[in-house]
Protein backbone atom coordinates (compact mmCIF):
# COMPACT_ATOMS: atom_id res chain seq x y z
CA UNK A 1 0.00 -0.16 -0.02
CA UNK A 2 2.80 2.46 0.92
CA UNK A 3 4.68 1.74 -2.50
CA UNK A 4 1.12 2.17 -4.25
CA UNK A 5 0.94 5.41 -2.54
CA UNK A 6 4.36 6.67 -3.44
CA UNK A 7 3.93 5.77 -7.40
CA UNK A 8 0.53 8.04 -7.10
CA UNK A 9 2.11 10.84 -5.58
CA UNK A 10 5.04 10.59 -7.97
CA UNK A 11 2.69 10.69 -10.99
CA UNK A 12 0.66 13.37 -9.48
CA UNK A 13 2.74 16.50 -10.45
CA UNK A 14 3.27 15.35 -14.31
CA UNK A 15 -0.53 14.66 -14.51
CA UNK A 16 -1.20 18.18 -13.15
CA UNK A 17 1.41 19.76 -15.55
CA UNK A 18 -0.17 17.70 -18.42
CA UNK A 19 -3.63 18.81 -17.70
CA UNK A 20 -2.91 22.27 -17.31
CA UNK A 21 -1.30 22.25 -20.84
CA UNK A 22 -4.30 20.67 -22.14
CA UNK A 23 -6.60 23.05 -20.69
CA UNK A 24 -4.46 26.14 -22.04
CA UNK A 25 -4.83 24.47 -25.26
CA UNK A 26 -8.54 23.92 -25.57
CA UNK A 27 -10.12 26.90 -23.41
CA UNK A 28 -7.65 29.69 -23.69
CA UNK A 29 -8.37 32.35 -26.43
CA UNK A 30 -4.78 33.08 -26.93
CA UNK A 31 -3.90 29.45 -27.79
CA UNK A 32 -6.42 29.69 -30.69
CA UNK A 33 -4.75 32.80 -32.52
CA UNK A 34 -2.30 31.97 -35.02
CA UNK A 35 -0.41 35.07 -35.26
CA UNK A 36 3.61 35.13 -34.15
CA UNK A 37 2.82 36.56 -30.68
CA UNK A 38 0.36 33.85 -29.69
CA UNK A 39 2.45 31.11 -31.28
CA UNK A 40 5.35 32.57 -29.08
CA UNK A 41 3.21 32.43 -25.91
CA UNK A 42 2.06 29.01 -26.64
CA UNK A 43 5.46 27.65 -27.37
CA UNK A 44 6.66 29.30 -24.14
CA UNK A 45 3.75 27.57 -22.36
CA UNK A 46 4.74 24.13 -23.67
CA UNK A 47 8.34 24.75 -23.28
CA UNK A 48 7.79 25.25 -19.30
CA UNK A 49 5.51 22.44 -19.01
CA UNK A 50 7.85 19.98 -20.71
CA UNK A 51 10.82 21.31 -18.83
CA UNK A 52 8.77 20.76 -15.60
CA UNK A 53 8.29 17.23 -16.61
CA UNK A 54 11.86 16.51 -17.25
CA UNK A 55 13.12 17.87 -14.23
CA UNK A 56 10.51 16.27 -12.14
CA UNK A 57 11.20 12.83 -13.80
CA UNK A 58 15.02 13.61 -13.15
CA UNK A 59 14.30 14.32 -9.56
CA UNK A 60 12.64 10.92 -9.17
CA UNK A 61 15.40 8.79 -10.87
CA UNK A 62 17.90 10.55 -8.78
CA UNK A 63 16.23 9.70 -5.57
CA UNK A 64 15.63 6.12 -6.60
CA UNK A 65 19.44 5.79 -7.46
CA UNK A 66 20.27 7.13 -4.13
CA UNK A 67 18.09 4.84 -2.65
CA UNK A 68 19.89 1.63 -4.55
CA UNK A 69 23.14 2.80 -3.59
CA UNK A 70 22.38 2.89 0.39
CA UNK A 71 20.97 -0.73 -0.29
CA UNK A 72 23.89 -1.64 -2.05
CA UNK A 73 26.20 -0.19 0.55
CA UNK A 74 24.11 -2.08 3.19
CA UNK A 75 24.57 -5.36 1.07
CA UNK A 76 28.24 -4.67 0.96
CA UNK A 77 28.70 -4.08 4.76
CA UNK A 78 26.68 -7.24 5.25
CA UNK A 79 28.72 -9.34 2.66
CA UNK A 80 32.35 -7.70 3.05
CA UNK A 81 31.66 -7.13 6.81
CA UNK A 82 34.34 -4.74 8.28
CA UNK A 83 37.30 -6.54 9.55
CA UNK A 84 38.59 -6.16 13.06
CA UNK A 85 41.68 -3.91 13.20
CA UNK A 86 43.58 -6.71 15.15
CA UNK A 87 42.80 -10.68 14.96
CA UNK A 88 44.95 -12.90 17.25
CA UNK A 89 47.79 -10.62 17.33
CA UNK A 90 47.94 -9.49 13.86
CA UNK A 91 47.28 -6.16 12.48
CA UNK A 92 44.82 -6.21 9.61
CA UNK A 93 43.52 -3.69 7.13
CA UNK A 94 41.84 -4.10 3.90
CA UNK A 95 40.67 -2.10 0.76
CA UNK A 96 38.53 -2.71 -2.15
CA UNK A 97 37.24 -0.70 -5.16
CA UNK A 98 34.96 -1.81 -8.05
CA UNK A 99 35.82 -1.13 -11.81
CA UNK A 100 31.85 -0.71 -12.42
CA UNK A 101 31.08 3.05 -12.05
CA UNK A 102 28.37 3.41 -9.21
CA UNK A 103 28.67 0.04 -8.11
CA UNK A 104 29.10 -0.51 -4.45
CA UNK A 105 31.18 -3.67 -4.61
CA UNK A 106 32.77 -5.62 -7.37
CA UNK A 107 33.92 -9.53 -7.90
CA UNK A 108 36.64 -9.33 -5.52
CA UNK A 109 36.24 -10.96 -1.96
CA UNK A 110 38.40 -11.64 1.23
CA UNK A 111 38.00 -12.38 4.62
CA UNK A 112 40.18 -13.03 7.82
CA UNK A 113 39.02 -15.62 10.88
CA UNK A 114 40.52 -16.51 13.76
CA UNK A 115 40.40 -20.50 14.27
CA UNK A 116 41.66 -22.98 16.53
CA UNK A 117 44.14 -23.79 13.58
CA UNK A 118 45.40 -20.42 13.20
CA UNK A 119 44.41 -17.32 11.63
CA UNK A 120 43.16 -18.18 8.25
CA UNK A 121 42.35 -15.72 5.37
CA UNK A 122 41.13 -15.91 2.04
CA UNK A 123 41.48 -13.64 -1.04
CA UNK A 124 39.47 -14.30 -4.32
CA UNK A 125 38.69 -12.89 -7.81
CA UNK A 126 35.33 -13.74 -9.27
CA UNK A 127 34.99 -13.60 -13.20
CA UNK A 128 33.32 -10.66 -13.99
CA UNK A 129 32.43 -7.59 -11.48
CA UNK A 130 29.70 -5.52 -10.26
CA UNK A 131 26.08 -6.60 -9.54
CA UNK A 132 26.40 -9.75 -11.61
CA UNK A 133 29.33 -11.26 -9.42
CA UNK A 134 27.31 -10.69 -6.01
CA UNK A 135 25.71 -13.99 -5.80
CA UNK A 136 29.00 -16.05 -6.37
CA UNK A 137 30.95 -13.85 -4.02
CA UNK A 138 28.31 -14.56 -1.33
CA UNK A 139 28.24 -18.27 -2.02
CA UNK A 140 32.19 -18.30 -1.60
CA UNK A 141 32.33 -16.21 1.50
CA UNK A 142 29.62 -17.69 3.31
CA UNK A 143 31.16 -21.29 2.91
CA UNK A 144 34.43 -20.01 3.98
CA UNK A 145 33.15 -18.63 7.23
CA UNK A 146 31.90 -21.79 8.17
CA UNK A 147 34.71 -24.10 6.67
CA UNK A 148 37.50 -22.03 8.13
CA UNK A 149 36.59 -23.18 11.85
CA UNK A 150 35.24 -26.77 10.78
CA UNK A 151 38.14 -28.02 8.70
CA UNK A 152 41.39 -29.30 10.12
CA UNK A 153 43.42 -28.35 7.16
CA UNK A 154 43.28 -25.82 4.26
CA UNK A 155 42.55 -28.80 1.73
CA UNK A 156 39.42 -29.70 3.58
CA UNK A 157 38.54 -25.73 3.37
CA UNK A 158 39.33 -25.54 -0.31
CA UNK A 159 37.24 -28.67 -1.02
CA UNK A 160 34.32 -27.15 0.83
CA UNK A 161 34.61 -24.12 -1.12
CA UNK A 162 34.69 -25.98 -4.51
CA UNK A 163 31.50 -27.74 -3.80
CA UNK A 164 29.85 -24.75 -2.59
CA UNK A 165 30.83 -23.03 -5.80
CA UNK A 166 29.63 -25.96 -7.81
CA UNK A 167 26.19 -26.06 -6.19
CA UNK A 168 25.62 -22.01 -6.67
CA UNK A 169 26.66 -22.52 -10.46
CA UNK A 170 24.29 -25.03 -11.06
CA UNK A 171 21.51 -23.22 -9.48
CA UNK A 172 22.07 -19.76 -10.76
CA UNK A 173 24.15 -20.01 -13.89
CA UNK A 174 23.02 -23.45 -15.26
CA UNK A 175 23.50 -22.13 -18.97
CA UNK A 176 27.10 -20.70 -18.35
CA UNK A 177 28.29 -22.95 -15.60
CA UNK A 178 31.16 -23.95 -17.38
CA UNK A 179 32.54 -20.73 -18.29
CA UNK A 180 32.32 -19.39 -14.51
CA UNK A 181 35.30 -19.57 -12.12
CA UNK A 182 37.07 -18.05 -9.34
CA UNK A 183 40.66 -17.37 -8.52
CA UNK A 184 41.72 -18.14 -4.77
CA UNK A 185 44.25 -17.89 -2.29
CA UNK A 186 43.97 -19.58 1.06
CA UNK A 187 46.58 -18.75 3.86
CA UNK A 188 46.90 -19.97 7.34
CA UNK A 189 49.16 -18.08 9.79
CA UNK A 190 49.73 -20.09 12.75
CA UNK A 191 50.67 -18.74 16.25
CA UNK A 192 54.39 -19.32 15.81
CA UNK A 193 54.29 -17.47 12.45
CA UNK A 194 54.51 -20.18 10.23
CA UNK A 195 52.56 -19.49 6.64
CA UNK A 196 50.60 -22.30 4.81
CA UNK A 197 48.85 -21.63 1.75
CA UNK A 198 46.62 -23.13 -1.20
CA UNK A 199 46.69 -21.40 -4.61
CA UNK A 200 43.98 -21.64 -7.14
CA UNK A 201 45.11 -19.32 -10.22
CA UNK A 202 45.54 -16.25 -7.88
CA UNK A 203 48.53 -13.84 -7.45
CA UNK A 204 50.87 -15.11 -4.92
CA UNK A 205 51.21 -12.92 -1.81
CA UNK A 206 54.32 -10.70 -0.97
CA UNK A 207 55.95 -10.79 2.44
CA UNK A 208 57.09 -7.42 3.44
CA UNK A 209 60.20 -6.80 6.09
CA UNK A 210 62.28 -4.05 7.23
CA UNK A 211 63.55 -2.70 3.74
CA UNK A 212 62.86 -6.03 1.77
CA UNK A 213 60.09 -7.37 -0.18
CA UNK A 214 59.69 -11.01 -1.35
CA UNK A 215 56.89 -12.39 -3.45
CA UNK A 216 56.22 -15.80 -2.02
CA UNK A 217 55.73 -18.07 -5.23
CA UNK A 218 57.09 -21.57 -4.30
CA UNK A 219 55.19 -23.49 -6.64
CA UNK A 220 52.61 -23.19 -9.75
CA UNK A 221 48.92 -22.62 -8.57
CA UNK A 222 46.08 -25.14 -9.16
CA UNK A 223 43.68 -23.97 -11.81
CA UNK A 224 40.96 -21.68 -10.51
CA UNK A 225 38.01 -23.09 -8.91
CA UNK A 226 35.09 -24.04 -11.07
CA UNK A 227 37.46 -24.78 -14.31
CA UNK A 228 38.70 -28.32 -13.25
CA UNK A 229 38.04 -30.92 -10.61
CA UNK A 230 40.50 -30.68 -7.91
CA UNK A 231 43.11 -33.14 -7.57
CA UNK A 232 42.97 -36.24 -5.25
CA UNK A 233 45.61 -34.71 -2.83
CA UNK A 234 46.01 -30.92 -1.67
CA UNK A 235 49.12 -30.66 0.30
CA UNK A 236 49.31 -27.27 1.58
CA UNK A 237 52.52 -25.09 0.40
CA UNK A 238 55.12 -23.89 2.80
CA UNK A 239 55.54 -19.81 2.65
CA UNK A 240 58.13 -19.64 5.55
CA UNK A 241 57.20 -17.63 8.61
CA UNK A 242 56.15 -14.20 8.96
CA UNK A 243 58.46 -12.70 11.78
CA UNK A 244 57.43 -10.33 13.98
CA UNK A 245 56.99 -6.56 12.17
CA UNK A 246 56.58 -8.42 8.84
CA UNK A 247 53.50 -7.74 6.94
CA UNK A 248 51.88 -10.35 4.42
CA UNK A 249 50.27 -8.37 1.32
CA UNK A 250 47.68 -10.22 -0.62
CA UNK A 251 46.19 -8.81 -3.64
CA UNK A 252 43.89 -9.49 -6.72
CA UNK A 253 45.10 -9.41 -10.44
CA UNK A 254 43.49 -5.75 -10.48
CA UNK A 255 46.35 -4.28 -8.47
CA UNK A 256 49.10 -5.55 -10.89
CA UNK A 257 47.56 -5.13 -13.98
CA UNK A 258 46.32 -1.79 -13.48
CA UNK A 259 47.71 0.43 -16.38
CA UNK A 260 47.89 4.40 -16.49
CA UNK A 261 47.05 6.67 -19.71
CA UNK A 262 50.23 5.23 -21.59
CA UNK A 263 49.49 1.70 -21.01
CA UNK A 264 52.18 1.12 -18.43
CA UNK A 265 51.29 -1.61 -15.65
CA UNK A 266 51.38 -0.29 -12.13
CA UNK A 267 54.73 -1.00 -10.84
CA UNK A 268 53.51 -2.96 -7.80
CA UNK A 269 56.96 -4.51 -6.59
CA UNK A 270 58.58 -1.11 -6.65
CA UNK A 271 55.96 0.43 -4.65
CA UNK A 272 55.92 -2.24 -2.02
CA UNK A 273 59.80 -1.74 -1.78
CA UNK A 274 59.36 1.97 -1.30
CA UNK A 275 56.81 1.11 1.39
CA UNK A 276 58.78 -1.21 3.15
CA UNK A 277 61.82 1.06 3.31
CA UNK A 278 60.00 3.78 5.16
CA UNK A 279 60.26 2.42 8.61
CA UNK A 280 58.32 0.31 10.84
CA UNK A 281 55.25 -1.41 8.92
CA UNK A 282 51.61 -1.07 10.04
CA UNK A 283 48.85 -2.44 7.95
CA UNK A 284 47.00 0.66 7.69
CA UNK A 285 49.97 2.62 6.29
CA UNK A 286 50.75 -0.03 3.71
CA UNK A 287 47.10 -0.11 2.42
CA UNK A 288 47.05 3.69 2.48
CA UNK A 289 50.34 4.09 0.48
CA UNK A 290 49.40 1.30 -2.15
CA UNK A 291 45.92 2.59 -2.57
CA UNK A 292 46.99 6.05 -3.21
CA UNK A 293 49.67 5.01 -5.70
CA UNK A 294 47.14 2.91 -7.62
CA UNK A 295 44.59 5.81 -7.94
CA UNK A 296 47.10 8.10 -8.93
CA UNK A 297 48.46 5.57 -11.33
CA UNK A 298 44.79 4.72 -13.25
CA UNK A 299 43.50 8.47 -12.29
CA UNK A 300 41.06 7.06 -10.17
CA UNK A 301 39.54 5.01 -12.81
CA UNK A 302 40.74 1.27 -12.50
CA UNK A 303 39.89 -0.95 -15.18
CA UNK A 304 39.32 -3.72 -13.01
CA UNK A 305 37.96 -4.56 -9.26
CA UNK A 306 40.88 -4.05 -7.09
CA UNK A 307 41.25 -5.57 -3.46
CA UNK A 308 44.08 -5.58 -1.00
CA UNK A 309 44.85 -7.10 2.17
CA UNK A 310 47.59 -6.54 4.50
CA UNK A 311 48.31 -8.90 7.86
CA UNK A 312 51.16 -7.62 10.00
CA UNK A 313 52.63 -9.72 12.71
CA UNK A 314 52.65 -7.52 15.89
CA UNK A 315 52.42 -10.18 18.40
CA UNK A 316 55.07 -9.36 21.10
CA UNK A 317 56.71 -12.46 21.83
CA UNK A 318 57.62 -15.37 19.75
CA UNK A 319 55.38 -18.26 19.76
CA UNK A 320 57.38 -20.50 17.65
CA UNK A 321 56.80 -24.11 18.84
CA UNK A 322 54.47 -22.96 21.21
CA UNK A 323 51.48 -24.65 19.74
CA UNK A 324 47.89 -23.16 19.23
CA UNK A 325 48.21 -21.11 22.67
CA UNK A 326 48.08 -17.52 21.11
CA UNK A 327 45.96 -14.92 22.97
CA UNK A 328 43.35 -12.94 21.00
CA UNK A 329 43.61 -9.33 20.83
CA UNK A 330 40.94 -8.37 18.55
CA UNK A 331 40.39 -4.62 18.48
CA UNK A 332 37.48 -2.55 17.11
CA UNK A 333 36.38 -3.11 13.63
CA UNK A 334 37.65 -0.53 11.45
CA UNK A 335 35.52 -1.02 8.24
CA UNK A 336 36.22 -2.22 4.66
CA UNK A 337 37.95 0.98 3.08
CA UNK A 338 37.36 2.18 -0.24
CA UNK A 339 40.53 3.15 -2.36
CA UNK A 340 41.80 5.27 -0.89
CA UNK A 341 40.87 3.77 2.78
CA UNK A 342 39.19 5.95 5.26
CA UNK A 343 40.87 7.50 7.86
């Protein structure tokens, strides 16, 4: 009933303006005249009526657009929910931007959760971007948030994600399921700083230390999820250790593939090296510097969705060999920052 009343109110003004124009044409003596002055007056009347109608329609469309953006923003916050600033002794920050103009979110996804097995993070990139990728992002993230706690190893988590994606594609994209896929990186950070990973067609992460940057690429990744069945065995890949003060930088390929007006790729390793050489690392500072550099490089219009995630080891004491005895130090939520992140 409320929506019907709103539609009636929105149509009321155009009807009144149209009725006024018709009444003028049928009843006003001046409208019946054919001389130049009468034509000018009649043209002015209909011009005013037409302009009023156009402005009214424009105002209604803008009001609906603002409402849609508010709904999309609420959906984004529910799906890519704000990450805590600290998770089990790790300093956390994230940023994302959609390549689709006006879209609140894109096809990139990320999440970080503290489990009894360690801190587990996922970074993914759904084929396509904008609203069309929303359902696939929801299916993958929803499954990860459950599987990360339930499964003992990352291989079990990945198999759960593969099954969830297959179900979603069969239900939502039956005609094009064979063409849909998701690149995915799973990372586990154990209490002693040991890094384990599984990679399905996604860019490998970087480890930032004091004045040093290393891309952790120990093996060829598996194919993206959705294209081929997973192998029978999924041994995790050892990425070494994240020492105190080191930062782990995860990203989607939109960051490394971003180009400037002359077609040059974004120099991600060089920018990371510059960030690492400027002193003690913090997740927020790394995100801020990379975000600003990306926006400057692409003039604020990246051609693809971009997601960034930084996990800095801020644990005060070494837990190497201590098992799963880390104490959680979760802080307040800082939100999912757009590029550049909100301060």
